[in-house]
Protein backbone atom coordinates (compact mmCIF):
# COMPACT_ATOMS: atom_id res chain seq x y z
CA MET A 1 -48.65 1.95 13.37
CA ALA A 2 -46.15 3.80 11.44
CA THR A 3 -42.91 4.50 13.29
CA LYS A 4 -41.50 7.79 13.16
CA LYS A 5 -38.18 8.38 10.91
CA LYS A 6 -35.36 9.15 13.29
CA LYS A 7 -34.12 12.68 12.55
CA ALA A 8 -30.49 12.74 11.52
CA ALA A 9 -28.08 14.19 13.67
CA ALA A 10 -27.01 17.93 12.93
CA PRO A 11 -23.19 18.07 11.66
CA ARG A 12 -20.75 18.65 14.37
CA TYR A 13 -19.53 21.78 12.30
CA LYS A 14 -20.29 24.37 9.85
CA MET A 15 -17.89 24.44 7.09
CA LYS A 16 -15.79 27.37 5.83
CA GLN A 17 -14.57 27.10 2.30
CA GLU A 18 -11.97 29.28 0.98
CA ARG A 19 -11.54 29.39 -2.79
CA ASP A 20 -8.34 30.37 -4.75
CA VAL A 21 -5.83 30.57 -1.97
CA TYR A 22 -2.45 31.21 -3.47
CA VAL A 23 1.08 30.21 -1.65
CA THR A 24 4.16 31.15 -3.36
CA MET A 25 7.08 28.89 -3.76
CA ARG A 26 10.63 29.19 -3.49
CA ASP A 27 11.21 30.25 -7.24
CA GLY A 28 7.94 32.63 -7.27
CA VAL A 29 5.44 30.42 -8.77
CA GLN A 30 1.98 30.58 -7.07
CA ILE A 31 0.13 27.21 -6.19
CA ALA A 32 -3.39 27.62 -5.81
CA LEU A 33 -5.29 25.94 -3.06
CA ARG A 34 -8.92 25.41 -2.08
CA ILE A 35 -9.16 24.96 1.67
CA TYR A 36 -12.11 23.35 3.73
CA ARG A 37 -12.05 23.78 7.35
CA PRO A 38 -14.35 23.88 10.54
CA ASP A 39 -16.11 27.31 11.02
CA ALA A 40 -15.09 27.30 14.55
CA PRO A 41 -12.35 28.53 16.78
CA GLY A 42 -9.47 25.87 17.22
CA ARG A 43 -6.84 24.11 15.76
CA TYR A 44 -7.45 21.30 13.52
CA PRO A 45 -5.40 18.33 11.93
CA THR A 46 -5.48 18.84 8.10
CA LEU A 47 -5.82 16.15 5.03
CA PHE A 48 -3.89 17.18 2.06
CA ALA A 49 -4.47 16.15 -1.58
CA ALA A 50 -2.55 17.41 -4.61
CA SER A 51 -2.97 16.74 -8.12
CA PRO A 52 -3.43 18.26 -11.78
CA TYR A 53 -7.29 17.45 -11.99
CA GLN A 54 -8.26 21.01 -10.75
CA TYR A 55 -9.98 21.40 -7.40
CA ASP A 56 -12.71 22.95 -9.18
CA THR A 57 -14.08 19.40 -9.60
CA ASP A 58 -14.96 19.25 -6.09
CA ASP A 59 -18.27 21.13 -7.10
CA LEU A 60 -19.10 17.91 -9.22
CA PRO A 61 -21.41 15.27 -7.45
CA HIS A 62 -19.51 11.89 -6.41
CA SER A 63 -20.09 9.68 -9.44
CA ALA A 64 -18.20 7.08 -11.14
CA LEU A 65 -18.81 9.38 -14.20
CA PHE A 66 -15.90 11.52 -12.78
CA LEU A 67 -13.04 9.11 -12.27
CA TRP A 68 -10.66 11.99 -11.65
CA HIS A 69 -13.02 13.06 -8.75
CA GLU A 70 -10.84 11.13 -6.14
CA VAL A 71 -10.36 13.30 -3.18
CA GLY A 72 -12.72 11.05 -0.90
CA PRO A 73 -15.65 12.48 1.32
CA VAL A 74 -14.37 16.07 1.97
CA GLU A 75 -17.35 17.53 3.78
CA TRP A 76 -17.77 14.42 5.99
CA TYR A 77 -14.19 14.80 7.27
CA VAL A 78 -14.86 18.52 7.96
CA ARG A 79 -18.33 18.68 9.09
CA GLU A 80 -18.33 15.31 11.15
CA GLN A 81 -14.88 14.69 12.09
CA GLY A 82 -13.38 18.04 12.57
CA TYR A 83 -10.61 17.89 9.98
CA ALA A 84 -9.27 20.71 7.69
CA TYR A 85 -8.85 19.71 4.10
CA VAL A 86 -6.74 21.49 1.66
CA HIS A 87 -6.93 20.46 -2.27
CA ALA A 88 -4.00 21.76 -4.41
CA ASP A 89 -3.62 21.99 -8.08
CA VAL A 90 -0.05 21.35 -8.66
CA ARG A 91 2.23 23.29 -10.50
CA GLY A 92 1.42 24.18 -14.11
CA SER A 93 -2.26 22.88 -13.66
CA GLY A 94 -5.72 24.41 -12.63
CA HIS A 95 -5.34 27.72 -11.07
CA SER A 96 -1.51 27.29 -10.38
CA GLY A 97 1.32 28.86 -11.81
CA GLY A 98 4.43 27.50 -13.48
CA GLU A 99 5.02 24.58 -15.91
CA TYR A 100 3.55 21.32 -15.54
CA ALA A 101 5.79 18.46 -15.99
CA LEU A 102 4.49 14.85 -14.67
CA LEU A 103 5.95 14.64 -11.04
CA SER A 104 9.05 16.51 -11.79
CA LYS A 105 11.46 17.54 -8.98
CA ASP A 106 9.76 20.88 -8.66
CA GLU A 107 6.47 19.40 -8.39
CA GLN A 108 7.86 17.03 -5.52
CA GLN A 109 9.43 20.14 -3.67
CA ASP A 110 6.26 22.07 -4.00
CA LEU A 111 4.46 19.46 -1.70
CA TYR A 112 7.05 20.04 0.87
CA GLU A 113 6.51 23.61 0.79
CA ILE A 114 2.70 23.41 0.91
CA VAL A 115 2.49 20.94 3.93
CA GLU A 116 4.87 23.25 6.02
CA TRP A 117 2.80 26.01 5.06
CA ILE A 118 -0.57 24.14 6.35
CA GLY A 119 1.49 23.36 9.38
CA ARG A 120 1.90 26.98 10.20
CA GLN A 121 -1.45 28.26 9.72
CA GLU A 122 -3.41 29.62 12.74
CA TRP A 123 -6.25 27.00 12.00
CA SER A 124 -3.72 24.08 11.79
CA ASN A 125 -2.75 21.85 14.77
CA GLY A 126 0.60 21.13 12.90
CA ASN A 127 -0.46 17.65 11.83
CA VAL A 128 -0.84 16.96 8.06
CA GLY A 129 -1.87 13.72 6.36
CA GLY A 130 -1.94 12.72 2.73
CA ILE A 131 -5.08 11.47 1.25
CA GLY A 132 -6.53 10.72 -2.00
CA GLN A 133 -6.78 8.08 -4.79
CA SER A 134 -4.43 7.57 -8.35
CA TYR A 135 -2.56 10.67 -8.87
CA TYR A 136 -3.42 12.04 -5.37
CA ALA A 137 -1.74 8.60 -4.14
CA TRP A 138 1.32 9.21 -6.34
CA SER A 139 1.66 12.76 -4.54
CA GLN A 140 1.39 11.07 -1.17
CA TRP A 141 4.49 8.80 -1.91
CA TRP A 142 6.26 11.70 -2.64
CA MET A 143 5.18 13.73 0.38
CA GLY A 144 6.61 10.86 2.35
CA ILE A 145 9.98 11.08 0.41
CA VAL A 146 10.51 14.75 0.57
CA ASN A 147 9.48 14.62 4.33
CA PRO A 148 8.20 17.78 5.55
CA PRO A 149 8.22 17.93 9.33
CA SER A 150 4.46 18.56 9.54
CA LEU A 151 3.62 15.61 7.59
CA LYS A 152 2.67 12.84 10.15
CA CYS A 153 1.13 9.99 7.78
CA ILE A 154 0.12 8.89 4.13
CA ALA A 155 -2.60 6.84 2.97
CA PRO A 156 -2.08 6.31 -0.87
CA TYR A 157 -5.15 4.36 -2.12
CA ASP A 158 -4.92 3.04 -5.36
CA GLY A 159 -1.62 4.74 -6.76
CA CYS A 160 1.29 3.43 -8.62
CA THR A 161 4.77 3.85 -7.17
CA ASP A 162 6.66 3.18 -10.71
CA PRO A 163 5.01 5.09 -13.53
CA TYR A 164 7.26 3.44 -16.36
CA ARG A 165 6.48 -0.08 -15.39
CA ASP A 166 3.04 0.43 -13.83
CA ALA A 167 1.42 2.79 -16.37
CA ALA A 168 3.54 3.49 -19.26
CA TYR A 169 5.50 0.57 -20.40
CA HIS A 170 4.05 -2.78 -19.12
CA GLY A 171 6.94 -5.13 -19.34
CA GLY A 172 8.72 -2.75 -21.65
CA ILE A 173 5.40 -2.54 -24.25
CA TYR A 174 3.94 0.92 -24.79
CA THR A 175 0.53 1.08 -23.37
CA GLU A 176 -1.88 3.81 -24.40
CA PHE A 177 -2.90 4.86 -21.00
CA LEU A 178 -0.83 8.01 -19.97
CA VAL A 179 -1.13 9.50 -23.52
CA TRP A 180 -5.10 9.16 -23.04
CA TRP A 181 -4.61 10.37 -19.60
CA TYR A 182 -2.56 13.51 -20.49
CA SER A 183 -4.96 14.44 -23.16
CA MET A 184 -8.13 14.37 -20.97
CA VAL A 185 -6.02 16.23 -18.14
CA ARG A 186 -4.97 19.00 -20.79
CA ALA A 187 -8.26 19.28 -22.55
CA ASN A 188 -10.01 19.94 -19.28
CA THR A 189 -7.17 22.57 -18.30
CA LEU A 190 -7.55 24.04 -21.87
CA HIS A 191 -11.19 24.91 -21.32
CA ARG A 192 -10.13 26.84 -18.03
CA ALA A 193 -7.38 28.38 -19.87
CA ALA A 194 -9.73 29.63 -22.83
CA GLY A 195 -12.25 31.10 -20.39
CA ARG A 196 -10.58 32.38 -17.36
CA PRO A 197 -7.76 34.60 -16.96
CA THR A 198 -6.15 32.16 -14.14
CA GLY A 199 -6.50 29.31 -16.50
CA ARG A 200 -3.23 27.14 -17.43
CA ALA A 201 -2.68 26.01 -20.88
CA MET A 202 -0.19 23.13 -20.08
CA GLU A 203 1.74 23.74 -23.05
CA ARG A 204 4.31 21.05 -22.65
CA ASP A 205 4.10 17.93 -24.91
CA ILE A 206 4.10 15.34 -22.18
CA THR A 207 3.14 12.77 -25.02
CA ALA A 208 6.09 13.22 -26.89
CA GLU A 209 8.34 12.92 -23.64
CA LEU A 210 6.51 9.65 -22.64
CA ILE A 211 7.22 8.15 -26.06
CA GLY A 212 10.51 9.83 -26.18
CA HIS A 213 11.92 7.91 -23.12
CA GLN A 214 10.93 4.22 -24.27
CA THR A 215 13.57 2.83 -21.69
CA TYR A 216 13.74 3.16 -17.99
CA ASP A 217 16.18 6.14 -18.01
CA SER A 218 16.82 9.20 -15.93
CA TRP A 219 13.70 10.93 -16.88
CA TRP A 220 11.50 8.17 -15.35
CA LYS A 221 13.87 7.39 -12.30
CA GLU A 222 13.10 11.14 -11.52
CA ARG A 223 9.42 10.38 -11.23
CA SER A 224 9.47 6.84 -9.74
CA ALA A 225 8.71 7.02 -5.97
CA LEU A 226 9.83 3.35 -5.98
CA GLU A 227 13.35 4.35 -6.09
CA ARG A 228 12.94 6.34 -2.79
CA ILE A 229 10.35 4.77 -0.86
CA GLY A 230 12.68 3.69 1.78
CA GLU A 231 13.32 7.32 2.55
CA ILE A 232 9.71 7.77 3.74
CA LYS A 233 9.81 8.12 7.82
CA VAL A 234 6.07 8.70 8.43
CA PRO A 235 3.45 5.75 8.76
CA VAL A 236 2.21 4.34 5.38
CA PHE A 237 -1.19 2.84 5.09
CA SER A 238 -1.01 1.47 1.25
CA ILE A 239 -4.49 0.29 0.14
CA GLY A 240 -4.50 -1.50 -3.27
CA HIS A 241 -7.16 -3.51 -5.28
CA TRP A 242 -7.05 -6.83 -7.17
CA GLY A 243 -9.40 -5.03 -9.88
CA LYS A 244 -6.62 -2.23 -11.05
CA GLN A 245 -4.03 -4.93 -12.17
CA GLY A 246 -2.91 -3.07 -15.11
CA LEU A 247 -2.44 0.23 -13.49
CA HIS A 248 -2.08 0.77 -9.59
CA LEU A 249 -2.31 -2.60 -7.96
CA ARG A 250 1.57 -3.43 -8.41
CA GLY A 251 2.53 -0.11 -6.96
CA ASN A 252 0.63 -0.35 -3.71
CA ILE A 253 2.17 -3.86 -3.08
CA LEU A 254 5.62 -2.77 -3.85
CA GLY A 255 5.34 0.38 -1.92
CA TYR A 256 4.48 -1.65 0.94
CA GLU A 257 7.08 -3.99 0.52
CA GLU A 258 9.86 -1.44 0.10
CA ALA A 259 8.84 0.76 2.86
CA THR A 260 10.84 1.05 5.88
CA ALA A 261 8.67 3.20 8.29
CA PRO A 262 5.79 1.86 10.10
CA LYS A 263 3.40 0.17 7.58
CA LYS A 264 0.25 -1.72 6.89
CA LEU A 265 -1.00 -3.18 3.68
CA LEU A 266 -4.94 -3.64 2.60
CA VAL A 267 -5.78 -5.22 -0.88
CA THR A 268 -9.54 -5.40 -1.34
CA ALA A 269 -11.44 -7.58 -3.96
CA PHE A 270 -13.16 -4.52 -5.72
CA ARG A 271 -13.46 -5.90 -9.44
CA ASP A 272 -12.83 -2.95 -11.40
CA VAL A 273 -12.03 0.83 -11.75
CA PHE A 274 -15.49 1.63 -10.75
CA GLU A 275 -16.01 -0.08 -7.61
CA VAL A 276 -12.49 0.86 -6.58
CA HIS A 277 -13.65 4.61 -7.48
CA ALA A 278 -17.08 4.34 -5.55
CA ALA A 279 -15.28 2.59 -2.24
CA PHE A 280 -13.34 6.06 -1.85
CA ASP A 281 -16.48 7.82 -1.93
CA ASP A 282 -18.29 5.72 0.60
CA ILE A 283 -18.39 7.12 3.85
CA GLU A 284 -18.58 3.51 5.55
CA PHE A 285 -15.36 2.52 3.88
CA HIS A 286 -13.65 5.66 5.41
CA LYS A 287 -15.25 5.00 8.81
CA ARG A 288 -13.91 1.54 8.67
CA GLU A 289 -10.54 1.90 7.05
CA LEU A 290 -9.03 5.43 6.70
CA LEU A 291 -10.56 7.42 9.70
CA PRO A 292 -9.07 4.95 12.43
CA PHE A 293 -5.59 5.71 10.54
CA TYR A 294 -5.76 9.33 10.52
CA ASP A 295 -7.22 9.68 13.98
CA ARG A 296 -4.26 7.69 15.40
CA TYR A 297 -1.67 9.81 13.87
CA LEU A 298 -3.12 13.23 13.23
CA LYS A 299 -5.16 13.36 16.44
CA ASP A 300 -2.98 10.93 18.50
CA LYS A 301 -6.46 8.97 19.72
CA LYS A 302 -6.09 5.21 20.38
CA THR A 303 -8.13 3.51 17.49
CA ALA A 304 -8.52 0.02 15.93
CA TYR A 305 -5.83 0.61 13.40
CA ASP A 306 -3.55 -0.27 16.18
CA ASP A 307 -5.19 -3.60 16.50
CA LEU A 308 -4.90 -4.64 12.52
CA PRO A 309 -2.60 -6.95 11.56
CA PRO A 310 0.31 -5.77 9.02
CA VAL A 311 -1.24 -7.30 6.01
CA ARG A 312 -4.79 -7.99 5.06
CA VAL A 313 -5.84 -9.29 1.90
CA GLU A 314 -9.37 -10.32 0.40
CA VAL A 315 -9.18 -13.49 -1.45
CA ARG A 316 -11.34 -13.33 -4.50
CA GLY A 317 -13.75 -16.16 -4.77
CA ARG A 318 -13.74 -16.89 -0.97
CA GLY A 319 -15.38 -13.96 0.23
CA ALA A 320 -13.21 -13.69 3.20
CA THR A 321 -10.17 -11.95 4.30
CA ARG A 322 -6.58 -13.58 5.18
CA ASP A 323 -4.14 -11.55 7.56
CA TYR A 324 -0.52 -11.97 7.45
CA PRO A 325 2.51 -10.49 9.24
CA ASP A 326 4.05 -9.37 5.95
CA TRP A 327 4.04 -9.78 2.11
CA PRO A 328 4.34 -11.88 0.08
CA PRO A 329 2.87 -14.86 2.53
CA ALA A 330 5.54 -17.30 3.90
CA ASP A 331 2.79 -19.96 4.11
CA SER A 332 2.32 -19.97 0.21
CA GLU A 333 4.35 -22.46 -1.66
CA MET A 334 4.84 -22.46 -5.49
CA ARG A 335 3.34 -25.20 -7.46
CA ALA A 336 4.20 -25.90 -10.96
CA PHE A 337 1.67 -26.35 -13.81
CA HIS A 338 3.57 -27.27 -17.08
CA LEU A 339 2.45 -26.38 -20.57
CA ALA A 340 1.42 -29.59 -22.51
CA ALA A 341 -0.01 -30.20 -25.95
CA GLY A 342 -3.52 -31.22 -24.86
CA PRO A 343 -5.91 -31.13 -26.27
CA SER A 344 -8.19 -30.08 -23.11
CA LYS A 345 -11.43 -30.27 -25.13
CA SER A 346 -12.93 -27.57 -22.74
CA VAL A 347 -12.29 -24.29 -24.75
CA THR A 348 -11.91 -23.27 -28.38
CA SER A 349 -8.46 -21.59 -29.10
CA ILE A 350 -5.77 -21.75 -31.64
CA ASN A 351 -3.99 -24.72 -29.87
CA ASP A 352 -6.26 -25.82 -27.00
CA GLY A 353 -3.12 -27.01 -24.88
CA ALA A 354 -3.17 -28.29 -21.41
CA LEU A 355 -1.72 -27.85 -18.09
CA ALA A 356 -0.03 -30.82 -16.42
CA ALA A 357 2.00 -31.72 -13.46
CA LYS A 358 4.86 -32.71 -15.57
CA SER A 359 6.42 -31.73 -18.83
CA ALA A 360 6.54 -34.09 -21.89
CA ARG A 361 9.35 -36.70 -22.13
CA GLY A 362 10.02 -36.02 -25.72
CA PRO A 363 10.16 -32.86 -27.88
CA ALA A 364 7.07 -30.55 -27.62
CA SER A 365 6.36 -27.34 -28.56
CA THR A 366 3.52 -25.00 -29.75
CA ARG A 367 3.70 -22.49 -32.61
CA PHE A 368 1.79 -19.16 -32.82
CA ARG A 369 1.62 -17.09 -36.12
CA TYR A 370 0.78 -13.43 -35.95
CA PRO A 371 -0.84 -11.26 -36.72
CA ASP A 372 -3.74 -13.78 -36.94
CA PRO A 373 -5.96 -13.04 -39.98
CA GLN A 374 -9.21 -13.80 -37.98
CA TRP A 375 -8.64 -11.12 -35.56
CA LYS A 376 -11.18 -8.43 -35.49
CA LEU A 377 -11.08 -6.18 -32.50
CA GLY A 378 -7.28 -6.23 -31.17
CA ILE A 379 -6.87 -9.86 -30.64
CA ALA A 380 -10.47 -10.84 -30.62
CA GLY A 381 -12.04 -13.51 -33.09
CA ILE A 382 -15.59 -14.17 -33.77
CA GLY A 383 -17.63 -17.34 -32.41
CA PRO A 384 -21.17 -18.40 -31.81
CA GLN A 385 -21.33 -15.89 -28.89
CA GLY A 386 -20.18 -12.85 -31.01
CA PRO A 387 -16.76 -11.40 -30.17
CA ASP A 388 -14.60 -13.76 -28.40
CA PRO A 389 -11.18 -12.87 -26.87
CA VAL A 390 -9.98 -16.38 -26.47
CA ARG A 391 -10.71 -18.16 -29.60
CA ARG A 392 -7.54 -16.86 -31.49
CA VAL A 393 -4.97 -17.13 -28.43
CA LEU A 394 -3.08 -19.79 -27.19
CA THR A 395 -4.59 -21.66 -24.27
CA PHE A 396 -3.35 -24.08 -21.84
CA THR A 397 -6.06 -25.58 -19.67
CA GLY A 398 -5.84 -27.84 -16.67
CA ALA A 399 -8.23 -30.93 -15.79
CA PRO A 400 -11.15 -29.89 -13.56
CA LEU A 401 -9.94 -29.27 -9.71
CA THR A 402 -10.52 -32.09 -7.57
CA GLU A 403 -10.47 -29.80 -4.47
CA ASP A 404 -10.37 -26.09 -3.88
CA LEU A 405 -7.28 -24.43 -4.67
CA GLU A 406 -6.42 -21.21 -3.20
CA VAL A 407 -3.30 -19.10 -4.50
CA VAL A 408 -2.05 -15.96 -2.70
CA GLY A 409 1.12 -14.23 -3.61
CA ARG A 410 3.45 -13.57 -6.49
CA VAL A 411 3.15 -15.50 -9.76
CA VAL A 412 5.73 -16.21 -12.46
CA LEU A 413 5.29 -17.70 -15.93
CA GLU A 414 8.33 -19.54 -17.11
CA LEU A 415 8.64 -19.73 -20.93
CA HIS A 416 11.20 -21.18 -23.58
CA VAL A 417 10.66 -19.66 -26.71
CA SER A 418 12.35 -19.05 -30.13
CA SER A 419 10.91 -16.69 -32.83
CA THR A 420 11.42 -15.94 -36.48
CA ASN A 421 11.46 -12.03 -35.50
CA THR A 422 14.16 -9.93 -33.82
CA ASP A 423 11.67 -9.10 -30.89
CA THR A 424 8.34 -10.30 -29.72
CA ASP A 425 5.80 -9.57 -26.96
CA PHE A 426 4.35 -11.84 -24.39
CA PHE A 427 0.59 -10.94 -22.94
CA VAL A 428 -0.43 -13.44 -20.33
CA ARG A 429 -3.45 -14.23 -18.59
CA VAL A 430 -4.66 -16.61 -15.95
CA ALA A 431 -8.10 -17.30 -15.76
CA ASP A 432 -10.58 -19.35 -13.65
CA GLN A 433 -12.62 -21.25 -16.37
CA PHE A 434 -15.92 -22.40 -15.14
CA PRO A 435 -17.66 -25.81 -15.55
CA GLN A 436 -19.66 -26.13 -18.73
CA ALA A 437 -22.69 -28.08 -19.80
CA PRO A 438 -21.83 -30.64 -22.40
CA GLU A 439 -24.44 -29.56 -24.87
CA GLU A 440 -22.99 -26.01 -24.59
CA ARG A 441 -19.69 -27.47 -25.55
CA ALA A 442 -21.07 -29.22 -28.29
CA GLN A 443 -22.33 -26.22 -29.71
CA GLY A 444 -18.94 -24.42 -29.63
CA ARG A 445 -19.86 -21.92 -26.94
CA GLN A 446 -17.01 -20.85 -24.76
CA PRO A 447 -17.17 -21.68 -21.02
CA GLY A 448 -17.64 -18.88 -18.60
CA SER A 449 -14.11 -17.37 -16.92
CA VAL A 450 -13.02 -14.67 -14.99
CA MET A 451 -9.43 -13.26 -15.15
CA VAL A 452 -7.02 -13.83 -12.07
CA THR A 453 -3.93 -12.26 -12.93
CA LYS A 454 -1.88 -10.98 -15.90
CA GLY A 455 1.41 -9.86 -17.17
CA TRP A 456 3.60 -8.66 -20.12
CA LEU A 457 6.96 -8.87 -21.34
CA ARG A 458 8.79 -7.65 -24.31
CA ALA A 459 11.45 -9.96 -25.30
CA SER A 460 14.24 -7.33 -25.99
CA HIS A 461 13.81 -6.15 -22.47
CA ARG A 462 14.78 -9.43 -21.15
CA GLU A 463 17.70 -8.07 -19.05
CA LYS A 464 17.28 -8.82 -15.50
CA ASP A 465 18.36 -6.76 -12.29
CA ALA A 466 19.99 -9.55 -10.36
CA THR A 467 20.26 -7.56 -7.14
CA LYS A 468 16.30 -6.90 -7.46
CA SER A 469 15.17 -10.04 -8.98
CA ARG A 470 13.63 -12.78 -6.63
CA PRO A 471 12.92 -16.53 -7.14
CA ASP A 472 9.17 -15.53 -7.46
CA ARG A 473 9.66 -12.05 -9.00
CA PRO A 474 11.89 -11.25 -11.86
CA TRP A 475 12.84 -7.61 -12.12
CA TYR A 476 13.79 -6.20 -15.30
CA THR A 477 16.11 -3.00 -15.75
CA HIS A 478 14.25 -2.01 -19.00
CA ALA A 479 17.38 -0.04 -19.68
CA ASN A 480 19.20 -1.78 -22.39
CA PRO A 481 16.95 -3.53 -24.83
CA GLN A 482 18.78 -6.36 -27.13
CA PRO A 483 17.27 -7.85 -30.09
CA ILE A 484 16.88 -11.49 -30.00
CA GLU A 485 18.54 -14.14 -32.52
CA PRO A 486 16.03 -15.71 -34.79
CA GLY A 487 15.41 -19.27 -34.28
CA LYS A 488 17.50 -19.26 -30.97
CA ILE A 489 15.66 -20.53 -27.75
CA TYR A 490 15.38 -17.88 -24.69
CA LYS A 491 14.04 -18.52 -21.51
CA TYR A 492 11.74 -15.89 -20.17
CA GLU A 493 10.72 -15.38 -16.78
CA ILE A 494 7.41 -13.12 -16.85
CA GLU A 495 6.20 -11.42 -13.64
CA LEU A 496 2.38 -11.68 -13.47
CA MET A 497 0.51 -9.63 -11.01
CA PRO A 498 0.25 -10.62 -7.47
CA CYS A 499 -2.89 -12.13 -6.55
CA ALA A 500 -5.26 -13.78 -3.98
CA TYR A 501 -7.93 -16.18 -5.58
CA LEU A 502 -9.81 -19.18 -4.60
CA PHE A 503 -10.32 -21.61 -7.70
CA LYS A 504 -13.14 -23.91 -6.73
CA GLN A 505 -13.41 -27.84 -6.92
CA GLY A 506 -14.46 -28.49 -10.41
CA HIS A 507 -13.11 -25.50 -12.07
CA ARG A 508 -10.31 -25.22 -14.54
CA ILE A 509 -6.92 -23.19 -14.37
CA ARG A 510 -6.59 -21.78 -17.90
CA LEU A 511 -3.38 -19.87 -19.18
CA GLU A 512 -3.72 -17.49 -22.35
CA ILE A 513 -0.70 -16.31 -24.35
CA VAL A 514 -0.70 -13.96 -27.11
CA ASN A 515 1.17 -10.86 -28.20
CA GLY A 516 -1.41 -8.22 -28.08
CA ASP A 517 -4.85 -7.26 -26.12
CA THR A 518 -8.20 -6.23 -26.85
CA ALA A 519 -10.73 -3.74 -25.50
CA LEU A 520 -13.12 -6.62 -24.85
CA THR A 521 -11.08 -7.69 -21.65
CA GLU A 522 -9.14 -4.32 -20.88
CA THR A 523 -10.47 -0.99 -19.95
CA PRO A 524 -10.15 0.94 -23.55
CA PHE A 525 -7.34 3.17 -22.14
CA PHE A 526 -5.30 0.28 -20.92
CA VAL A 527 -4.94 -1.35 -24.38
CA HIS A 528 -1.51 -1.65 -25.69
CA GLN A 529 -0.88 -0.55 -29.40
CA TYR A 530 -0.08 -3.25 -32.08
CA GLN A 531 2.93 -2.21 -33.58
CA TRP A 532 3.99 -2.70 -37.18
CA TYR A 533 6.84 -4.71 -36.61
CA LYS A 534 4.93 -7.57 -34.88
CA VAL A 535 4.79 -9.93 -37.92
CA GLY A 536 6.51 -13.60 -37.43
CA VAL A 537 6.40 -16.93 -35.82
CA ASP A 538 6.90 -17.71 -32.21
CA THR A 539 7.67 -21.44 -30.85
CA ILE A 540 6.79 -22.15 -27.23
CA HIS A 541 8.93 -25.37 -26.16
CA HIS A 542 7.39 -27.18 -23.32
CA ASP A 543 9.35 -30.56 -22.79
CA ALA A 544 11.51 -32.05 -19.97
CA ALA A 545 14.63 -30.18 -21.17
CA ARG A 546 12.89 -27.01 -21.53
CA PRO A 547 10.20 -26.92 -19.11
CA SER A 548 7.65 -24.19 -19.85
CA ARG A 549 5.57 -23.79 -16.69
CA LEU A 550 3.22 -21.45 -14.75
CA LEU A 551 4.23 -21.10 -10.98
CA LEU A 552 1.35 -20.37 -8.61
CA PRO A 553 1.70 -19.41 -4.87
CA VAL A 554 -0.72 -22.39 -3.25
CA VAL A 555 -1.78 -21.85 0.29
CA GLY A 556 -1.04 -25.15 2.13
CA ALA A 557 0.52 -26.88 -1.04
CA ALA A 558 1.88 -30.43 -0.19
CA LYS A 559 5.23 -29.77 -2.06
CA ALA A 560 7.03 -26.72 -3.21
CA VAL A 561 8.72 -26.59 -6.82
CA GLU A 562 11.97 -28.12 -7.20
CA GLY A 563 14.51 -26.72 -9.16
């Protein structure tokens, strides 16, 4: 007998939508809003999102195809949960007037004024919370910093706090991302400008500005929320993702670390930009994570959010979550894995070096000549399996693990390097290398692997900020680049992205070092441009006097790193 399908419950509210509502700022510029709210009498808490991505994109279906559609399930919040939702086109974008200038002081002050405007509306209960992913998360950090009285909480999901270090210049190395990003945003806006009188042309050449500010100067400081996160007074729920290491992960974690207001951190194990994007569209994710936060601070309800630990991180490879009172975890201890000559006989690379418990006693070094003549797509070579991003890089691979090894926390690579050049770049990846059948190895096929963490540093940007540096996190000023002396050995401490990962018994830890990257391993718009002056030979020294080593935060490590 067939069972009757349960009829879906009717929404609690009908939704009223107000398009192209204009709010006048202090200088006369009009900011355009789209407003969604319950079509019923009463006063409602409001979720506020702001970006240059044009609120007209709300009309597109939720899909990974539209990566700028990052506002979450608007209708569900309004129809089912009794929230109003306000979506703004920031100054100089979409329908809004003024000049777009990428998180400028004017844009920051606009956020203050819009939040207060919302708080005064007859349909508002006076409580506003920030919502949204990526640029919408950047906006939330700034909402908190400018501190409008009606703002009660922010939940930056997948959004950086330091656009110089997190998006534009990784380790001081120029990345293609923000130039690609602005060309996409501007092109979309130009389409409107060509066809509608309210469209904006976004005349300003942000690309030239980005490349014109190659060091961390006042232009970047104005746009770096990290400089002022300690000024945030409202509760912060920062949500980052291990799969966004080239863009937002560092910002969400540092935002949590630097915040002094009530705060919590969640880092998920979503693998890439598409999974991260899909989760923010998922009603079940919002029910589980974000709704309890908003109900707590915008509706003053007792919710499960109060009972959550301050820090939750999903451990990749374990399929479980670890709870902590703070970040980084106090129970992780740094264990050293020293670069050694090898061979590991487990992978095909330029050198096939090893990772060992101790450095070599006598002189030991590994040379790297670049650009490699066998590079075909970025730094990728060609092997039996086709394009191979490992074949033409330096690798240092450990022996098969005799037991599971879990790492949770910050990661650092210490390198002693000399160069024939006056500058050089380091692109570093740590991978989990899987066991491989002997017959596959004999055929020259590469073992399977997954990237665990990565980092970057330009040698000329080696000036550290002593006040911000920590033993497990070097902090570089990126303000005063200085050439290196050819032939001189320098010690570099390279910050890799924090991680939470379980290396399983029988697997190997593999360190990869090169001076460029490839679209085979990076989302294409995260790839760094190979510059004309990157021609030379680098020598990595790894002996007892100059111990080059990878430092991993091991959970339950028997012994901390000495020295």
